[in-house]
Amino acid sequence: MVIDAGAIRAKNRAARWITEALQPPVVVTVQLLISPLAQPGFPGTMAYAALAALFVCVVPLILLLVLVRRGKVTDHHVSDRKQRAPVLLMALGSIVAGLLVLTAAGAPQNVVAMVLAVVGGVVVLAGVSPFWKISGHAAAIASSTVIAVLMLGPAWLPLLLLVPAVGWSRVVLRAHTVAQVVAGSLFGGIVMAGIWWVLQGWMVA
């Protein structure tokens, strides 16, 4: 069998591009920024969403990059399973601080509900990570796209195609097995999105 080296390189480049462009900090930031859409006051409430993104995504990412630079963590995707729980717990600390700030600032309940859904996801991923490397990329893109469809309507269903695209990229790069990607997708799309659905129905009603 002849192996097409060019095709393999092109596939790997595409996988790396998808992995970087749709990594959790990016998609969760977008997820948070659209969270005020379902409540009156938008776009004025975007400032609260940006504040949430700062604590949920930006601060943890900066801290992670510092740890990578110091050699404490392998890379910004935290490829070493043993390093994932401490990094996720560090992120959780920033997120909880953000929740306190958002609550004190009187943030819209939909923004708070979105942050709480992320908290649920981080807690579960931190608990599972020492035993199994479930895909955080898959969980993030699945929760973000499902929530977007629930918020914006059926016209946005094509966004769900991003879920298999991200899963494919993680498998191609050998960052995860198919089972880990499927588990992450189901967790994000059902559990995390479900937490958001219940919370926003309860808090916003």
N, C-alpha and C. Protein backbone atom coordinates (compact mmCIF):
# COMPACT_ATOMS: atom_id res chain seq x y z
N MET A 1 0.85 -1.20 0.00
CA MET A 1 0.00 0.00 0.00
C MET A 1 0.88 1.25 0.00
N VAL A 2 0.59 2.20 -0.88
CA VAL A 2 1.36 3.43 -0.98
C VAL A 2 0.78 4.47 -0.03
N ILE A 3 1.63 5.03 0.80
CA ILE A 3 1.20 6.05 1.76
C ILE A 3 1.46 7.43 1.16
N ASP A 4 0.43 8.24 1.04
CA ASP A 4 0.54 9.59 0.50
C ASP A 4 0.95 10.53 1.63
N ALA A 5 2.25 10.84 1.69
CA ALA A 5 2.75 11.68 2.78
C ALA A 5 2.14 13.07 2.74
N GLY A 6 1.91 13.58 1.54
CA GLY A 6 1.31 14.92 1.42
C GLY A 6 -0.09 14.96 1.98
N ALA A 7 -0.86 13.92 1.70
CA ALA A 7 -2.23 13.86 2.21
C ALA A 7 -2.24 13.76 3.73
N ILE A 8 -1.30 13.00 4.28
CA ILE A 8 -1.22 12.85 5.73
C ILE A 8 -0.86 14.19 6.38
N ARG A 9 0.10 14.90 5.76
CA ARG A 9 0.48 16.21 6.31
C ARG A 9 -0.69 17.19 6.25
N ALA A 10 -1.42 17.15 5.14
CA ALA A 10 -2.57 18.05 4.99
C ALA A 10 -3.65 17.73 6.03
N LYS A 11 -3.87 16.44 6.26
CA LYS A 11 -4.86 16.03 7.26
C LYS A 11 -4.45 16.48 8.65
N ASN A 12 -3.18 16.31 8.97
CA ASN A 12 -2.69 16.72 10.28
C ASN A 12 -2.75 18.23 10.46
N ARG A 13 -2.44 18.98 9.39
CA ARG A 13 -2.54 20.44 9.46
C ARG A 13 -3.97 20.87 9.72
N ALA A 14 -4.91 20.25 9.01
CA ALA A 14 -6.33 20.57 9.19
C ALA A 14 -6.77 20.24 10.62
N ALA A 15 -6.32 19.10 11.12
CA ALA A 15 -6.68 18.69 12.48
C ALA A 15 -6.12 19.67 13.51
N ARG A 16 -4.87 20.09 13.31
CA ARG A 16 -4.27 21.04 14.25
C ARG A 16 -5.00 22.38 14.21
N TRP A 17 -5.38 22.82 13.00
CA TRP A 17 -6.09 24.09 12.86
C TRP A 17 -7.43 24.04 13.59
N ILE A 18 -8.16 22.96 13.40
CA ILE A 18 -9.47 22.81 14.06
C ILE A 18 -9.29 22.76 15.57
N THR A 19 -8.31 21.99 16.02
CA THR A 19 -8.05 21.86 17.46
C THR A 19 -7.73 23.20 18.10
N GLU A 20 -6.91 24.02 17.43
CA GLU A 20 -6.53 25.31 17.99
C GLU A 20 -7.65 26.33 17.90
N ALA A 21 -8.32 26.37 16.74
CA ALA A 21 -9.38 27.36 16.53
C ALA A 21 -10.59 27.12 17.41
N LEU A 22 -10.86 25.84 17.70
CA LEU A 22 -12.05 25.48 18.48
C LEU A 22 -11.68 24.83 19.81
N GLN A 23 -10.61 25.32 20.41
CA GLN A 23 -10.22 24.81 21.72
C GLN A 23 -11.17 25.38 22.79
N PRO A 24 -11.27 24.72 23.95
CA PRO A 24 -12.25 25.11 24.97
C PRO A 24 -12.28 26.58 25.35
N PRO A 25 -11.14 27.25 25.60
CA PRO A 25 -11.24 28.67 25.97
C PRO A 25 -11.93 29.52 24.91
N VAL A 26 -11.74 29.17 23.64
CA VAL A 26 -12.35 29.93 22.55
C VAL A 26 -13.86 29.71 22.50
N VAL A 27 -14.27 28.44 22.47
CA VAL A 27 -15.70 28.15 22.30
C VAL A 27 -16.50 28.51 23.55
N VAL A 28 -15.89 28.35 24.74
CA VAL A 28 -16.61 28.72 25.97
C VAL A 28 -16.73 30.23 26.07
N THR A 29 -15.74 30.97 25.59
CA THR A 29 -15.84 32.42 25.55
C THR A 29 -17.03 32.85 24.69
N VAL A 30 -17.14 32.26 23.50
CA VAL A 30 -18.28 32.57 22.63
C VAL A 30 -19.58 32.17 23.31
N GLN A 31 -19.59 31.01 23.95
CA GLN A 31 -20.76 30.53 24.66
C GLN A 31 -21.21 31.54 25.72
N LEU A 32 -20.26 32.09 26.45
CA LEU A 32 -20.58 33.06 27.49
C LEU A 32 -21.04 34.39 26.88
N LEU A 33 -20.42 34.80 25.80
CA LEU A 33 -20.76 36.08 25.19
C LEU A 33 -22.17 36.11 24.62
N ILE A 34 -22.68 34.94 24.20
CA ILE A 34 -24.05 34.91 23.67
C ILE A 34 -25.08 34.68 24.77
N SER A 35 -24.61 34.40 25.99
CA SER A 35 -25.54 34.04 27.07
C SER A 35 -26.58 35.10 27.38
N PRO A 36 -26.31 36.41 27.24
CA PRO A 36 -27.35 37.40 27.57
C PRO A 36 -28.44 37.52 26.51
N LEU A 37 -28.30 36.86 25.38
CA LEU A 37 -29.26 37.02 24.29
C LEU A 37 -30.69 36.68 24.70
N ALA A 38 -30.85 35.74 25.62
CA ALA A 38 -32.18 35.25 25.96
C ALA A 38 -32.91 36.12 26.97
N GLN A 39 -32.26 37.18 27.44
CA GLN A 39 -32.89 38.07 28.42
C GLN A 39 -32.94 39.50 27.90
N PRO A 40 -33.91 40.29 28.35
CA PRO A 40 -33.97 41.70 27.96
C PRO A 40 -32.71 42.44 28.42
N GLY A 41 -32.37 43.50 27.70
CA GLY A 41 -31.21 44.31 28.06
C GLY A 41 -30.03 44.15 27.13
N PHE A 42 -30.08 43.11 26.28
CA PHE A 42 -28.98 42.90 25.32
C PHE A 42 -29.06 44.01 24.27
N PRO A 43 -27.96 44.61 23.80
CA PRO A 43 -26.56 44.23 24.03
C PRO A 43 -25.90 44.90 25.23
N GLY A 44 -26.66 45.68 26.00
CA GLY A 44 -26.07 46.34 27.15
C GLY A 44 -25.50 45.38 28.18
N THR A 45 -26.06 44.17 28.22
CA THR A 45 -25.62 43.17 29.20
C THR A 45 -24.35 42.43 28.76
N MET A 46 -23.84 42.77 27.59
CA MET A 46 -22.64 42.09 27.10
C MET A 46 -21.45 42.29 28.03
N ALA A 47 -21.45 43.41 28.77
CA ALA A 47 -20.33 43.67 29.68
C ALA A 47 -20.25 42.57 30.75
N TYR A 48 -21.40 42.10 31.20
CA TYR A 48 -21.41 41.02 32.19
C TYR A 48 -20.89 39.73 31.59
N ALA A 49 -21.26 39.48 30.34
CA ALA A 49 -20.78 38.28 29.65
C ALA A 49 -19.27 38.33 29.47
N ALA A 50 -18.76 39.52 29.13
CA ALA A 50 -17.31 39.68 28.97
C ALA A 50 -16.60 39.47 30.30
N LEU A 51 -17.20 39.96 31.38
CA LEU A 51 -16.62 39.76 32.71
C LEU A 51 -16.59 38.28 33.06
N ALA A 52 -17.67 37.57 32.72
CA ALA A 52 -17.70 36.12 32.96
C ALA A 52 -16.61 35.42 32.17
N ALA A 53 -16.45 35.80 30.90
CA ALA A 53 -15.42 35.19 30.06
C ALA A 53 -14.02 35.45 30.62
N LEU A 54 -13.83 36.62 31.22
CA LEU A 54 -12.53 36.95 31.81
C LEU A 54 -12.15 35.94 32.90
N PHE A 55 -13.10 35.67 33.81
CA PHE A 55 -12.82 34.77 34.92
C PHE A 55 -12.85 33.30 34.52
N VAL A 56 -13.73 32.96 33.58
CA VAL A 56 -13.92 31.55 33.20
C VAL A 56 -12.85 31.09 32.21
N CYS A 57 -12.45 31.97 31.31
CA CYS A 57 -11.55 31.55 30.21
C CYS A 57 -10.20 32.26 30.21
N VAL A 58 -10.22 33.58 30.27
CA VAL A 58 -8.98 34.34 30.06
C VAL A 58 -7.99 34.14 31.21
N VAL A 59 -8.45 34.35 32.44
CA VAL A 59 -7.54 34.20 33.59
C VAL A 59 -6.99 32.77 33.70
N PRO A 60 -7.85 31.72 33.63
CA PRO A 60 -7.29 30.36 33.68
C PRO A 60 -6.31 30.07 32.55
N LEU A 61 -6.58 30.61 31.34
CA LEU A 61 -5.67 30.38 30.21
C LEU A 61 -4.33 31.05 30.46
N ILE A 62 -4.35 32.27 30.98
CA ILE A 62 -3.09 32.96 31.27
C ILE A 62 -2.28 32.19 32.31
N LEU A 63 -2.96 31.75 33.36
CA LEU A 63 -2.27 30.96 34.40
C LEU A 63 -1.71 29.66 33.84
N LEU A 64 -2.48 29.03 32.94
CA LEU A 64 -2.02 27.79 32.32
C LEU A 64 -0.78 28.04 31.47
N LEU A 65 -0.78 29.12 30.70
CA LEU A 65 0.37 29.42 29.86
C LEU A 65 1.61 29.71 30.69
N VAL A 66 1.41 30.33 31.86
CA VAL A 66 2.54 30.56 32.77
C VAL A 66 3.10 29.23 33.24
N LEU A 67 2.21 28.29 33.58
CA LEU A 67 2.66 26.97 34.04
C LEU A 67 3.39 26.22 32.92
N VAL A 68 2.91 26.36 31.69
CA VAL A 68 3.58 25.73 30.55
C VAL A 68 4.97 26.32 30.37
N ARG A 69 5.05 27.64 30.45
CA ARG A 69 6.33 28.32 30.27
C ARG A 69 7.35 27.90 31.34
N ARG A 70 6.85 27.63 32.53
CA ARG A 70 7.74 27.22 33.63
C ARG A 70 8.02 25.72 33.63
N GLY A 71 7.41 25.01 32.69
CA GLY A 71 7.66 23.58 32.59
C GLY A 71 6.86 22.73 33.56
N LYS A 72 5.87 23.33 34.21
CA LYS A 72 5.05 22.59 35.16
C LYS A 72 3.96 21.78 34.46
N VAL A 73 3.57 22.22 33.28
CA VAL A 73 2.54 21.55 32.49
C VAL A 73 3.10 21.34 31.08
N THR A 74 2.77 20.21 30.47
CA THR A 74 3.37 19.85 29.19
C THR A 74 3.03 20.83 28.07
N ASP A 75 1.77 21.20 27.94
CA ASP A 75 1.34 22.08 26.85
C ASP A 75 0.00 22.70 27.21
N HIS A 76 -0.46 23.66 26.37
CA HIS A 76 -1.68 24.38 26.73
C HIS A 76 -2.95 23.55 26.56
N HIS A 77 -2.83 22.35 25.96
CA HIS A 77 -3.96 21.43 25.90
C HIS A 77 -3.94 20.44 27.08
N VAL A 78 -2.92 20.54 27.92
CA VAL A 78 -2.74 19.66 29.08
C VAL A 78 -2.88 18.20 28.65
N SER A 79 -1.97 17.79 27.78
CA SER A 79 -2.04 16.45 27.19
C SER A 79 -1.78 15.34 28.20
N ASP A 80 -0.99 15.66 29.25
CA ASP A 80 -0.71 14.67 30.29
C ASP A 80 -1.92 14.55 31.21
N ARG A 81 -2.56 13.39 31.22
CA ARG A 81 -3.78 13.19 32.01
C ARG A 81 -3.57 13.50 33.49
N LYS A 82 -2.41 13.20 34.03
CA LYS A 82 -2.15 13.40 35.45
C LYS A 82 -2.13 14.88 35.83
N GLN A 83 -1.88 15.74 34.86
CA GLN A 83 -1.82 17.18 35.14
C GLN A 83 -3.18 17.86 35.03
N ARG A 84 -4.17 17.14 34.53
CA ARG A 84 -5.45 17.77 34.23
C ARG A 84 -6.24 18.20 35.46
N ALA A 85 -6.34 17.34 36.46
CA ALA A 85 -7.14 17.67 37.64
C ALA A 85 -6.64 18.93 38.34
N PRO A 86 -5.32 19.07 38.60
CA PRO A 86 -4.85 20.31 39.24
C PRO A 86 -5.13 21.55 38.40
N VAL A 87 -4.96 21.44 37.08
CA VAL A 87 -5.22 22.59 36.20
C VAL A 87 -6.70 22.94 36.22
N LEU A 88 -7.56 21.94 36.18
CA LEU A 88 -9.00 22.19 36.21
C LEU A 88 -9.43 22.79 37.54
N LEU A 89 -8.84 22.34 38.63
CA LEU A 89 -9.16 22.90 39.94
C LEU A 89 -8.69 24.35 40.04
N MET A 90 -7.57 24.66 39.43
CA MET A 90 -7.10 26.04 39.37
C MET A 90 -8.11 26.90 38.61
N ALA A 91 -8.59 26.37 37.49
CA ALA A 91 -9.59 27.08 36.70
C ALA A 91 -10.88 27.26 37.50
N LEU A 92 -11.23 26.23 38.27
CA LEU A 92 -12.45 26.29 39.08
C LEU A 92 -12.37 27.42 40.10
N GLY A 93 -11.19 27.61 40.68
CA GLY A 93 -11.02 28.70 41.64
C GLY A 93 -11.29 30.06 41.00
N SER A 94 -10.79 30.26 39.79
CA SER A 94 -11.03 31.51 39.07
C SER A 94 -12.51 31.67 38.73
N ILE A 95 -13.15 30.57 38.35
CA ILE A 95 -14.57 30.62 37.97
C ILE A 95 -15.43 30.96 39.18
N VAL A 96 -15.13 30.37 40.32
CA VAL A 96 -15.89 30.66 41.54
C VAL A 96 -15.72 32.12 41.94
N ALA A 97 -14.50 32.63 41.81
CA ALA A 97 -14.27 34.05 42.09
C ALA A 97 -15.10 34.91 41.14
N GLY A 98 -15.16 34.49 39.87
CA GLY A 98 -15.97 35.21 38.90
C GLY A 98 -17.44 35.19 39.24
N LEU A 99 -17.93 34.07 39.74
CA LEU A 99 -19.33 33.97 40.15
C LEU A 99 -19.65 34.96 41.26
N LEU A 100 -18.74 35.08 42.22
CA LEU A 100 -18.94 36.02 43.32
C LEU A 100 -18.99 37.45 42.80
N VAL A 101 -18.10 37.77 41.88
CA VAL A 101 -18.07 39.12 41.31
C VAL A 101 -19.34 39.39 40.50
N LEU A 102 -19.75 38.43 39.68
CA LEU A 102 -20.95 38.59 38.87
C LEU A 102 -22.19 38.76 39.73
N THR A 103 -22.28 37.98 40.78
CA THR A 103 -23.43 38.08 41.68
C THR A 103 -23.46 39.44 42.36
N ALA A 104 -22.30 39.90 42.83
CA ALA A 104 -22.22 41.21 43.48
C ALA A 104 -22.55 42.34 42.51
N ALA A 105 -22.21 42.14 41.24
CA ALA A 105 -22.45 43.17 40.23
C ALA A 105 -23.87 43.13 39.67
N GLY A 106 -24.67 42.14 40.08
CA GLY A 106 -26.04 42.04 39.60
C GLY A 106 -26.14 41.57 38.17
N ALA A 107 -25.30 40.62 37.79
CA ALA A 107 -25.28 40.10 36.42
C ALA A 107 -26.61 39.43 36.07
N PRO A 108 -27.00 39.44 34.80
CA PRO A 108 -28.22 38.75 34.38
C PRO A 108 -28.17 37.27 34.74
N GLN A 109 -29.31 36.72 35.10
CA GLN A 109 -29.36 35.33 35.55
C GLN A 109 -28.92 34.34 34.47
N ASN A 110 -29.13 34.69 33.20
CA ASN A 110 -28.71 33.78 32.14
C ASN A 110 -27.19 33.66 32.06
N VAL A 111 -26.50 34.75 32.36
CA VAL A 111 -25.04 34.70 32.39
C VAL A 111 -24.58 33.83 33.56
N VAL A 112 -25.21 34.03 34.72
CA VAL A 112 -24.86 33.23 35.90
C VAL A 112 -25.15 31.75 35.65
N ALA A 113 -26.29 31.45 35.02
CA ALA A 113 -26.65 30.06 34.72
C ALA A 113 -25.61 29.42 33.80
N MET A 114 -25.12 30.19 32.83
CA MET A 114 -24.12 29.66 31.90
C MET A 114 -22.83 29.34 32.64
N VAL A 115 -22.43 30.22 33.54
CA VAL A 115 -21.20 29.99 34.31
C VAL A 115 -21.37 28.76 35.21
N LEU A 116 -22.54 28.60 35.81
CA LEU A 116 -22.78 27.44 36.66
C LEU A 116 -22.74 26.14 35.85
N ALA A 117 -23.21 26.18 34.62
CA ALA A 117 -23.12 25.00 33.76
C ALA A 117 -21.66 24.64 33.50
N VAL A 118 -20.83 25.67 33.31
CA VAL A 118 -19.39 25.43 33.11
C VAL A 118 -18.79 24.85 34.38
N VAL A 119 -19.21 25.35 35.54
CA VAL A 119 -18.72 24.82 36.81
C VAL A 119 -19.01 23.33 36.92
N GLY A 120 -20.24 22.95 36.57
CA GLY A 120 -20.60 21.53 36.61
C GLY A 120 -19.70 20.70 35.71
N GLY A 121 -19.41 21.22 34.52
CA GLY A 121 -18.54 20.51 33.60
C GLY A 121 -17.12 20.38 34.12
N VAL A 122 -16.58 21.46 34.67
CA VAL A 122 -15.21 21.44 35.19
C VAL A 122 -15.08 20.47 36.36
N VAL A 123 -16.07 20.46 37.25
CA VAL A 123 -16.02 19.56 38.41
C VAL A 123 -15.98 18.10 37.98
N VAL A 124 -16.86 17.75 37.03
CA VAL A 124 -16.90 16.36 36.55
C VAL A 124 -15.61 15.99 35.83
N LEU A 125 -15.14 16.87 34.96
CA LEU A 125 -13.90 16.58 34.22
C LEU A 125 -12.72 16.43 35.17
N ALA A 126 -12.68 17.27 36.22
CA ALA A 126 -11.59 17.16 37.19
C ALA A 126 -11.66 15.84 37.94
N GLY A 127 -12.88 15.37 38.21
CA GLY A 127 -13.03 14.09 38.91
C GLY A 127 -12.69 12.90 38.05
N VAL A 128 -12.97 12.99 36.75
CA VAL A 128 -12.74 11.87 35.84
C VAL A 128 -11.29 11.81 35.37
N SER A 129 -10.66 12.98 35.23
CA SER A 129 -9.33 13.06 34.60
C SER A 129 -8.26 12.17 35.21
N PRO A 130 -8.21 11.99 36.53
CA PRO A 130 -7.16 11.10 37.06
C PRO A 130 -7.29 9.66 36.60
N PHE A 131 -8.47 9.28 36.12
CA PHE A 131 -8.72 7.89 35.75
C PHE A 131 -8.87 7.68 34.25
N TRP A 132 -9.36 8.71 33.55
CA TRP A 132 -9.62 8.56 32.12
C TRP A 132 -9.55 9.92 31.46
N LYS A 133 -8.94 9.99 30.28
CA LYS A 133 -8.70 11.27 29.60
C LYS A 133 -9.87 11.63 28.69
N ILE A 134 -11.01 11.92 29.29
CA ILE A 134 -12.17 12.33 28.51
C ILE A 134 -11.84 13.64 27.79
N SER A 135 -12.38 13.83 26.59
CA SER A 135 -12.01 14.97 25.76
C SER A 135 -12.70 16.27 26.20
N GLY A 136 -11.91 17.21 26.70
CA GLY A 136 -12.43 18.52 27.05
C GLY A 136 -12.82 19.31 25.82
N HIS A 137 -12.07 19.14 24.72
CA HIS A 137 -12.41 19.80 23.46
C HIS A 137 -13.82 19.39 23.02
N ALA A 138 -14.08 18.09 23.04
CA ALA A 138 -15.38 17.58 22.59
C ALA A 138 -16.49 18.06 23.51
N ALA A 139 -16.24 18.05 24.81
CA ALA A 139 -17.26 18.50 25.76
C ALA A 139 -17.59 19.97 25.55
N ALA A 140 -16.56 20.78 25.34
CA ALA A 140 -16.78 22.22 25.19
C ALA A 140 -17.55 22.55 23.91
N ILE A 141 -17.15 21.96 22.80
CA ILE A 141 -17.84 22.29 21.54
C ILE A 141 -19.25 21.73 21.52
N ALA A 142 -19.46 20.57 22.13
CA ALA A 142 -20.80 19.99 22.17
C ALA A 142 -21.74 20.83 23.02
N SER A 143 -21.28 21.23 24.21
CA SER A 143 -22.14 22.04 25.07
C SER A 143 -22.43 23.40 24.43
N SER A 144 -21.40 24.01 23.84
CA SER A 144 -21.59 25.34 23.24
C SER A 144 -22.54 25.31 22.06
N THR A 145 -22.40 24.32 21.19
CA THR A 145 -23.26 24.28 20.01
C THR A 145 -24.70 23.90 20.36
N VAL A 146 -24.86 22.95 21.28
CA VAL A 146 -26.22 22.55 21.69
C VAL A 146 -26.92 23.72 22.37
N ILE A 147 -26.22 24.42 23.25
CA ILE A 147 -26.82 25.58 23.92
C ILE A 147 -27.16 26.66 22.91
N ALA A 148 -26.28 26.89 21.93
CA ALA A 148 -26.56 27.90 20.91
C ALA A 148 -27.83 27.57 20.14
N VAL A 149 -28.01 26.30 19.79
CA VAL A 149 -29.22 25.88 19.07
C VAL A 149 -30.45 26.06 19.94
N LEU A 150 -30.34 25.70 21.22
CA LEU A 150 -31.46 25.86 22.14
C LEU A 150 -31.84 27.32 22.31
N MET A 151 -30.84 28.19 22.30
CA MET A 151 -31.09 29.61 22.48
C MET A 151 -31.58 30.30 21.22
N LEU A 152 -30.98 29.95 20.08
CA LEU A 152 -31.20 30.70 18.85
C LEU A 152 -32.17 30.05 17.88
N GLY A 153 -32.48 28.76 18.09
CA GLY A 153 -33.47 28.10 17.27
C GLY A 153 -32.90 27.12 16.26
N PRO A 154 -33.79 26.38 15.57
CA PRO A 154 -33.39 25.31 14.64
C PRO A 154 -32.53 25.78 13.47
N ALA A 155 -32.61 27.04 13.11
CA ALA A 155 -31.82 27.55 11.99
C ALA A 155 -30.32 27.39 12.25
N TRP A 156 -29.95 27.23 13.52
CA TRP A 156 -28.54 27.11 13.90
C TRP A 156 -28.09 25.67 14.07
N LEU A 157 -28.93 24.73 13.69
CA LEU A 157 -28.57 23.31 13.80
C LEU A 157 -27.26 22.95 13.08
N PRO A 158 -26.94 23.59 11.94
CA PRO A 158 -25.65 23.25 11.29
C PRO A 158 -24.44 23.43 12.18
N LEU A 159 -24.56 24.22 13.25
CA LEU A 159 -23.43 24.36 14.18
C LEU A 159 -23.02 23.02 14.78
N LEU A 160 -23.97 22.09 14.88
CA LEU A 160 -23.67 20.79 15.47
C LEU A 160 -22.64 20.01 14.67
N LEU A 161 -22.45 20.39 13.40
CA LEU A 161 -21.43 19.72 12.58
C LEU A 161 -20.02 19.98 13.11
N LEU A 162 -19.89 21.02 13.93
CA LEU A 162 -18.58 21.29 14.52
C LEU A 162 -18.18 20.22 15.52
N VAL A 163 -19.16 19.53 16.10
CA VAL A 163 -18.85 18.51 17.10
C VAL A 163 -18.05 17.35 16.50
N PRO A 164 -18.53 16.70 15.42
CA PRO A 164 -17.71 15.64 14.83
C PRO A 164 -16.40 16.17 14.25
N ALA A 165 -16.39 17.41 13.78
CA ALA A 165 -15.15 17.98 13.23
C ALA A 165 -14.07 18.07 14.31
N VAL A 166 -14.46 18.58 15.48
CA VAL A 166 -13.49 18.67 16.59
C VAL A 166 -13.09 17.28 17.07
N GLY A 167 -14.05 16.37 17.18
CA GLY A 167 -13.73 15.01 17.58
C GLY A 167 -12.75 14.35 16.63
N TRP A 168 -12.98 14.54 15.33
CA TRP A 168 -12.07 14.00 14.31
C TRP A 168 -10.67 14.54 14.50
N SER A 169 -10.56 15.85 14.76
CA SER A 169 -9.23 16.47 14.90
C SER A 169 -8.48 15.89 16.09
N ARG A 170 -9.18 15.63 17.19
CA ARG A 170 -8.51 15.11 18.37
C ARG A 170 -8.04 13.67 18.17
N VAL A 171 -8.82 12.90 17.43
CA VAL A 171 -8.43 11.51 17.15
C VAL A 171 -7.27 11.47 16.16
N VAL A 172 -7.33 12.31 15.13
CA VAL A 172 -6.25 12.36 14.14
C VAL A 172 -4.93 12.73 14.80
N LEU A 173 -4.99 13.67 15.73
CA LEU A 173 -3.77 14.10 16.42
C LEU A 173 -3.35 13.14 17.53
N ARG A 174 -4.12 12.07 17.70
CA ARG A 174 -3.85 11.05 18.72
C ARG A 174 -3.85 11.62 20.13
N ALA A 175 -4.65 12.67 20.32
CA ALA A 175 -4.79 13.25 21.65
C ALA A 175 -5.81 12.47 22.46
N HIS A 176 -6.76 11.81 21.75
CA HIS A 176 -7.81 11.05 22.40
C HIS A 176 -8.19 9.85 21.54
N THR A 177 -8.81 8.89 22.20
CA THR A 177 -9.40 7.77 21.47
C THR A 177 -10.81 8.17 21.02
N VAL A 178 -11.39 7.36 20.14
CA VAL A 178 -12.76 7.63 19.70
C VAL A 178 -13.71 7.60 20.90
N ALA A 179 -13.51 6.65 21.79
CA ALA A 179 -14.38 6.54 22.97
C ALA A 179 -14.30 7.79 23.84
N GLN A 180 -13.12 8.34 24.02
CA GLN A 180 -12.95 9.53 24.84
C GLN A 180 -13.62 10.75 24.20
N VAL A 181 -13.55 10.81 22.88
CA VAL A 181 -14.20 11.91 22.16
C VAL A 181 -15.72 11.79 22.23
N VAL A 182 -16.22 10.58 22.02
CA VAL A 182 -17.68 10.35 22.10
C VAL A 182 -18.19 10.67 23.50
N ALA A 183 -17.47 10.21 24.51
CA ALA A 183 -17.87 10.47 25.90
C ALA A 183 -17.89 11.97 26.18
N GLY A 184 -16.87 12.69 25.71
CA GLY A 184 -16.82 14.13 25.91
C GLY A 184 -17.98 14.84 25.21
N SER A 185 -18.29 14.39 23.99
CA SER A 185 -19.39 14.99 23.24
C SER A 185 -20.73 14.77 23.92
N LEU A 186 -20.96 13.55 24.40
CA LEU A 186 -22.22 13.25 25.08
C LEU A 186 -22.31 14.01 26.40
N PHE A 187 -21.21 14.09 27.10
CA PHE A 187 -21.21 14.81 28.38
C PHE A 187 -21.52 16.29 28.16
N GLY A 188 -20.84 16.90 27.19
CA GLY A 188 -21.06 18.32 26.94
C GLY A 188 -22.44 18.60 26.38
N GLY A 189 -22.85 17.79 25.39
CA GLY A 189 -24.11 18.05 24.71
C GLY A 189 -25.34 17.71 25.51
N ILE A 190 -25.22 16.75 26.43
CA ILE A 190 -26.38 16.33 27.21
C ILE A 190 -26.32 16.85 28.64
N VAL A 191 -25.21 16.57 29.33
CA VAL A 191 -25.13 16.92 30.75
C VAL A 191 -24.91 18.42 30.95
N MET A 192 -23.86 18.98 30.34
CA MET A 192 -23.58 20.41 30.53
C MET A 192 -24.70 21.28 29.96
N ALA A 193 -25.13 20.96 28.73
CA ALA A 193 -26.22 21.73 28.14
C ALA A 193 -27.50 21.53 28.94
N GLY A 194 -27.69 20.33 29.48
CA GLY A 194 -28.87 20.05 30.30
C GLY A 194 -28.86 20.86 31.59
N ILE A 195 -27.68 20.98 32.21
CA ILE A 195 -27.55 21.80 33.43
C ILE A 195 -27.95 23.23 33.11
N TRP A 196 -27.43 23.75 31.99
CA TRP A 196 -27.78 25.12 31.61
C TRP A 196 -29.28 25.26 31.37
N TRP A 197 -29.87 24.30 30.68
CA TRP A 197 -31.29 24.36 30.36
C TRP A 197 -32.15 24.41 31.62
N VAL A 198 -31.81 23.56 32.58
CA VAL A 198 -32.57 23.52 33.84
C VAL A 198 -32.37 24.81 34.62
N LEU A 199 -31.11 25.26 34.74
CA LEU A 199 -30.82 26.45 35.52
C LEU A 199 -31.45 27.71 34.93
N GLN A 200 -31.34 27.87 33.61
CA GLN A 200 -31.89 29.09 33.03
C GLN A 200 -33.42 29.08 33.10
N GLY A 201 -34.02 27.88 33.01
CA GLY A 201 -35.47 27.80 33.15
C GLY A 201 -35.91 28.15 34.56
N TRP A 202 -35.09 27.76 35.54
CA TRP A 202 -35.43 27.99 36.95
C TRP A 202 -35.09 29.42 37.38
N MET A 203 -33.90 29.90 36.96
CA MET A 203 -33.43 31.20 37.42
C MET A 203 -34.05 32.37 36.67
N VAL A 204 -34.33 32.16 35.38
CA VAL A 204 -34.81 33.27 34.55
C VAL A 204 -36.32 33.37 34.59
N ALA A 205 -37.00 32.24 34.84
CA ALA A 205 -38.48 32.26 34.83
C ALA A 205 -39.05 33.21 35.85
